[in-house]
Amino acid sequence: MRRWTLLLTAVALLSAPLPAAAAPPIRVLTHNVKFLPELAAPTDAQDTRAGLIAAAGYVKGYDVVVLNEVFDNPASEKLLHGLRAEYPYQTPVVGRGDSGWDGTYGDPQFDLEDGGVAIVSKFPITARNQYIFSNGCGADGFSSKGFAHVRVAVRGVTVNVVGTHVQADDSTCPAGRARELRAEQFREIDSYLDQRVTGTTIIAGDLNVHRDGPEYSGMLADLDAIAPTSYSGPPSWSPSRNSMAGGSAEEHLDYVLLRRGSGSAAWRNETLLVKSPEWQVKVLGVVVRRDDEYSDHFPVAGSAG
């Protein structure tokens, strides 16, 4: 009888569901800060906003921060310098040259504009690589868009973080081409990670795919990523809440995603509804613009929980 009891107990233990693997002990923030080339955004107060973002409370307290659209050199340099006390370990901006990277992959022809992506970290970055996408259309065709990949040792756990900003919708692209390019770029990220990266991996940035749109499931599949178990806050692109966001469509475009195999426990994304101190733009001493936004996108945080 005792033998049967032991046998049944063993069967029950073997058939019990295994606990979900823990999500990585890391907090990541991504923010598209809209530092366009100066000629394209003369009244966006990019230098002023760079200082405001660097001093803002919302950007503090994370382990890693991914920055998108840091195209403008003076504004991006001011922001990165301003973040250095909190995040002393930093990458260069993707596509601004080879200097400061351990490796450059993809199609590094370095177009008229850089790729506008940088990563900053509270913890030492033990590897940093950049990858330039093969193709782009519209305005993106003139920039060296791609992604930054860093390896960071966070509280004893090695975590890979990919920061990217993929192809945007653009009326000058052929019909359907922007969507095709996004999928191609997601697959380029996936191929790079399959070939060169093992272990816990997070993909963060402006992925230009609406969470409630038809591309969302394909994006996750192409990236081999897991949908967050919860989203909170408004869409990251919200014209009704953000005066710098154009149009009328409310779209969630920015993500912090776990790649499959990086833990399946609860992983949440939260959009932060933040407002900046009021800033002004003056022309010949006349105020031509007032605003209280850090950017046209709201930041998105990803963490376990």
Foldseek 3Di string as FASTA:
>chain_A
DVVVVVVVVVVVVVPDDDDWFAFDFFKEKEDAQAPAACVVCVWPPLQVLLLQVLPDPVVADGFKYKYANPFHVVSNVSNCVSNCVRFVEKADFALPDDPRAPEEEEDNPRFPTEQGIMMTGNFHWPHKYWYFHDAADDPCRRYRFTWMWTWGQDPNFIEIEIEGAAYADDPRDPPPVSVVRLLVRLLVLQVCCVVPHDEKYKYWYQSNDFCPDPCNVSSCVSNQWDDAPEEEDFAQQQVVQAVQRDDHDGGRGTDIIIHPPNIDAHKYKYFDSDWADKDFDDDPNHTPDIGTHSHNTTMMMMRGD
